Structure formats: C-alpha cells, structure tokens
Amino acid sequence: MNSTIINIKTDIEVKKEAQKIAADLGLSLSGVINGFLKQLIRNRAVLFTLNEDTPSDYLLSAIKYSRAERKTGKFHSFKNNRAAIDFLDSK
C-alpha cells in the first residue's frame, strides 16, 4: 500500500485523550483517522455527534439490504465460527 503523511495541529490534550480512547478500542490513532477519512469518502459527509442512538445512513442502508436478502433466502447461517471460516475459505 502506498501511503502519505498528513500533518495536523491539535491541542496536546486532545491528542492524548484521542490516543487513549483509540488504544482502549484496540486501534492506533492513525488507524482511527484513516477510518474517518474512508468514511468521509464513502458518505461524502462529516458527522459529529454525541448521540450514540442514531445509526448512520450507511448503516441503515446496509440493514435494509440485509433484511431484503434474508426475506429472499439469500443468506448463510452457521453453527459456530469455525463453520463460517470454513465457508469463507471455500470461496
């Protein structure tokens, strides 16, 4: 993967807190920022919210699509994780 460097200026406390939260989530701050940039590209929108009860338009669309596929029988169900991984490996 080709990569580039983005330099930003932010308050030191903002950076420290963001790094802590990212680490708690098992991510690097770089990974979080890359995820944000990909979401920006996909949604062509910036969403800042403290309301965790509101799903994104992307998520709502994915849920609607999944429900439609389930109604038509276009889904796979697995008894355990190993069965799901075996299925994916067979593709």
Protein backbone atom coordinates (compact mmCIF):
# COMPACT_ATOMS: atom_id res chain seq x y z
CA MET A 1 0.00 0.00 0.00
CA ASN A 2 1.32 3.42 -0.89
CA SER A 3 0.98 5.87 1.95
CA THR A 4 1.47 9.54 2.63
CA ILE A 5 1.90 11.67 5.72
CA ILE A 6 -0.70 14.19 6.87
CA ASN A 7 0.47 16.75 9.41
CA ILE A 8 -2.18 18.39 11.59
CA LYS A 9 -2.05 20.72 14.54
CA THR A 10 -4.18 19.93 17.56
CA ASP A 11 -4.19 20.60 21.26
CA ILE A 12 -1.86 18.22 23.11
CA GLU A 13 -4.63 17.14 25.49
CA VAL A 14 -6.95 16.37 22.57
CA LYS A 15 -4.26 14.17 21.05
CA LYS A 16 -3.54 12.37 24.33
CA GLU A 17 -7.22 11.69 25.01
CA ALA A 18 -7.82 10.55 21.43
CA GLN A 19 -4.81 8.18 21.63
CA LYS A 20 -6.13 6.77 24.91
CA ILE A 21 -9.61 6.14 23.51
CA ALA A 22 -8.19 4.64 20.32
CA ALA A 23 -5.97 2.33 22.37
CA ASP A 24 -8.96 1.31 24.52
CA LEU A 25 -10.68 0.32 21.27
CA GLY A 26 -7.60 -1.63 20.15
CA LEU A 27 -6.72 0.89 17.45
CA SER A 28 -3.95 3.33 16.75
CA LEU A 29 -4.76 7.00 16.33
CA SER A 30 -3.53 6.67 12.75
CA GLY A 31 -6.00 3.81 12.20
CA VAL A 32 -8.85 5.89 13.61
CA ILE A 33 -8.00 8.84 11.35
CA ASN A 34 -7.70 6.56 8.30
CA GLY A 35 -11.11 5.08 9.14
CA PHE A 36 -12.57 8.57 9.44
CA LEU A 37 -11.12 9.57 6.06
CA LYS A 38 -12.56 6.45 4.40
CA GLN A 39 -15.96 7.17 5.95
CA LEU A 40 -15.74 10.76 4.70
CA ILE A 41 -15.09 9.49 1.18
CA ARG A 42 -17.86 6.87 1.35
CA ASN A 43 -20.56 9.13 2.86
CA ARG A 44 -19.40 12.47 1.46
CA ALA A 45 -20.38 13.96 4.81
CA VAL A 46 -18.90 14.79 8.18
CA LEU A 47 -20.90 13.76 11.22
CA PHE A 48 -20.03 14.92 14.73
CA THR A 49 -22.39 13.60 17.36
CA LEU A 50 -22.52 12.51 20.95
CA ASN A 51 -25.79 10.68 20.28
CA GLU A 52 -24.89 7.01 20.01
CA ASP A 53 -28.52 6.03 19.39
CA THR A 54 -28.60 7.41 15.83
CA PRO A 55 -27.27 5.00 13.20
CA SER A 56 -25.67 6.45 10.07
CA ASP A 57 -27.42 6.47 6.71
CA TYR A 58 -24.86 3.91 5.54
CA LEU A 59 -25.72 1.56 8.40
CA LEU A 60 -29.46 1.99 7.85
CA SER A 61 -28.98 1.20 4.16
CA ALA A 62 -26.93 -1.91 4.99
CA ILE A 63 -29.59 -3.12 7.44
CA LYS A 64 -32.34 -2.59 4.86
CA TYR A 65 -30.32 -4.51 2.25
CA SER A 66 -29.63 -7.35 4.69
CA ARG A 67 -33.29 -7.66 5.65
CA ALA A 68 -34.29 -7.83 1.99
CA GLU A 69 -31.72 -10.58 1.32
CA ARG A 70 -32.87 -12.53 4.37
CA LYS A 71 -36.51 -12.39 3.18
CA THR A 72 -35.48 -13.88 -0.17
CA GLY A 73 -33.36 -16.59 1.47
CA LYS A 74 -30.05 -15.15 0.25
CA PHE A 75 -28.08 -15.69 3.43
CA HIS A 76 -25.96 -18.30 5.16
CA SER A 77 -26.29 -19.40 8.76
CA PHE A 78 -23.52 -21.13 10.71
CA LYS A 79 -23.50 -23.19 13.90
CA ASN A 80 -20.15 -21.76 15.01
CA ASN A 81 -17.24 -19.54 14.00
CA ARG A 82 -15.25 -22.44 12.52
CA ALA A 83 -18.09 -23.29 10.12
CA ALA A 84 -18.23 -19.65 8.99
CA ILE A 85 -14.47 -19.50 8.43
CA ASP A 86 -14.53 -22.80 6.52
CA PHE A 87 -17.30 -21.41 4.31
CA LEU A 88 -15.29 -18.24 3.60
CA ASP A 89 -12.15 -20.27 2.86
CA SER A 90 -14.07 -22.37 0.34
CA LYS A 91 -14.94 -19.31 -1.77
